[in-house]
Amino acid sequence: MFQLYNVLNMALTIYSYALIVYIFMSWFPGARESSFGVFLAKICEPYLEQFRKFIPPLGMIDFSPIVGIFVLYLARMGLLELFRMF
């Protein structure tokens, strides 16, 4: 059971880091058009689109990645509590 928790926790952590890298890539011109940027877009955009549906950008600032990372953090904490029960 502990092994499953470790795998899921690591997957959520890696995905959180992928989101952070994807966000920072928007600061550099042409970074999202690279092959790595396209790969990150394929795995990050479907998740972020769920939050963009109800959190519109304010000016040039998009808060959906912040909310997405926070939701992943809550999922990790919920996962920890779930596995503590067993």
Protein backbone atom coordinates (compact mmCIF):
# COMPACT_ATOMS: atom_id res chain seq x y z
CA MET A 1 0.00 0.00 0.00
CA PHE A 2 2.88 2.33 0.83
CA GLN A 3 4.40 1.68 -2.60
CA LEU A 4 1.18 2.80 -4.31
CA TYR A 5 1.14 5.98 -2.25
CA ASN A 6 4.76 6.71 -3.22
CA VAL A 7 4.06 6.22 -6.92
CA LEU A 8 0.94 8.41 -6.90
CA ASN A 9 2.61 11.08 -4.80
CA MET A 10 5.63 11.16 -7.12
CA ALA A 11 3.39 11.38 -10.20
CA LEU A 12 1.49 14.35 -8.75
CA THR A 13 4.76 16.03 -7.76
CA ILE A 14 6.27 15.59 -11.21
CA TYR A 15 3.10 16.91 -12.83
CA SER A 16 3.20 19.97 -10.54
CA TYR A 17 6.78 20.64 -11.62
CA ALA A 18 5.78 20.20 -15.27
CA LEU A 19 3.09 22.85 -14.79
CA ILE A 20 5.59 25.23 -13.21
CA VAL A 21 8.06 24.76 -16.07
CA TYR A 22 5.24 25.25 -18.58
CA ILE A 23 4.23 28.50 -16.88
CA PHE A 24 7.80 29.84 -16.88
CA MET A 25 8.16 28.97 -20.56
CA SER A 26 5.62 31.68 -21.34
CA TRP A 27 8.19 34.27 -20.23
CA PHE A 28 10.63 33.30 -22.98
CA PRO A 29 9.77 34.01 -26.61
CA GLY A 30 9.54 30.88 -28.71
CA ALA A 31 10.01 28.48 -25.79
CA ARG A 32 6.52 27.01 -26.10
CA GLU A 33 7.06 26.40 -29.80
CA SER A 34 10.04 24.13 -29.15
CA SER A 35 9.53 20.37 -29.14
CA PHE A 36 9.75 20.32 -25.34
CA GLY A 37 7.23 23.16 -25.12
CA VAL A 38 4.82 21.35 -27.42
CA PHE A 39 5.17 18.19 -25.31
CA LEU A 40 4.42 20.12 -22.11
CA ALA A 41 1.47 21.82 -23.79
CA LYS A 42 -0.01 18.43 -24.66
CA ILE A 43 0.12 17.26 -21.06
CA CYS A 44 -0.58 20.56 -19.25
CA GLU A 45 -3.19 22.36 -21.39
CA PRO A 46 -6.01 19.80 -20.97
CA TYR A 47 -5.69 20.11 -17.19
CA LEU A 48 -5.43 23.91 -17.23
CA GLU A 49 -8.39 24.27 -19.60
CA GLN A 50 -10.66 22.86 -16.90
CA PHE A 51 -9.81 25.82 -14.69
CA ARG A 52 -9.88 28.42 -17.47
CA LYS A 53 -13.55 27.61 -18.01
CA PHE A 54 -14.50 29.32 -14.76
CA ILE A 55 -11.45 31.50 -13.94
CA PRO A 56 -11.03 34.12 -16.66
CA PRO A 57 -7.66 35.86 -17.03
CA LEU A 58 -7.44 39.25 -15.37
CA GLY A 59 -5.68 41.48 -17.86
CA MET A 60 -2.56 39.64 -18.91
CA ILE A 61 -2.44 37.46 -15.79
CA ASP A 62 -3.84 33.95 -15.95
CA PHE A 63 -4.58 32.56 -12.49
CA SER A 64 -5.64 29.10 -13.69
CA PRO A 65 -2.14 27.57 -13.28
CA ILE A 66 -1.99 28.77 -9.69
CA VAL A 67 -5.37 27.22 -8.96
CA GLY A 68 -4.34 24.05 -10.82
CA ILE A 69 -1.18 23.67 -8.75
CA PHE A 70 -3.16 24.31 -5.57
CA VAL A 71 -5.68 21.60 -6.54
CA LEU A 72 -2.81 19.17 -7.15
CA TYR A 73 -1.44 20.03 -3.71
CA LEU A 74 -4.84 19.36 -2.16
CA ALA A 75 -5.02 16.05 -4.04
CA ARG A 76 -1.63 15.05 -2.62
CA MET A 77 -2.73 15.94 0.90
CA GLY A 78 -6.03 14.07 0.43
CA LEU A 79 -4.12 11.08 -0.88
CA LEU A 80 -1.90 11.16 2.19
CA GLU A 81 -4.94 11.21 4.50
CA LEU A 82 -6.59 8.42 2.53
CA PHE A 83 -3.55 6.18 2.89
CA ARG A 84 -3.21 7.02 6.57
CA MET A 85 -6.64 5.47 7.13
CA PHE A 86 -5.40 2.09 5.93
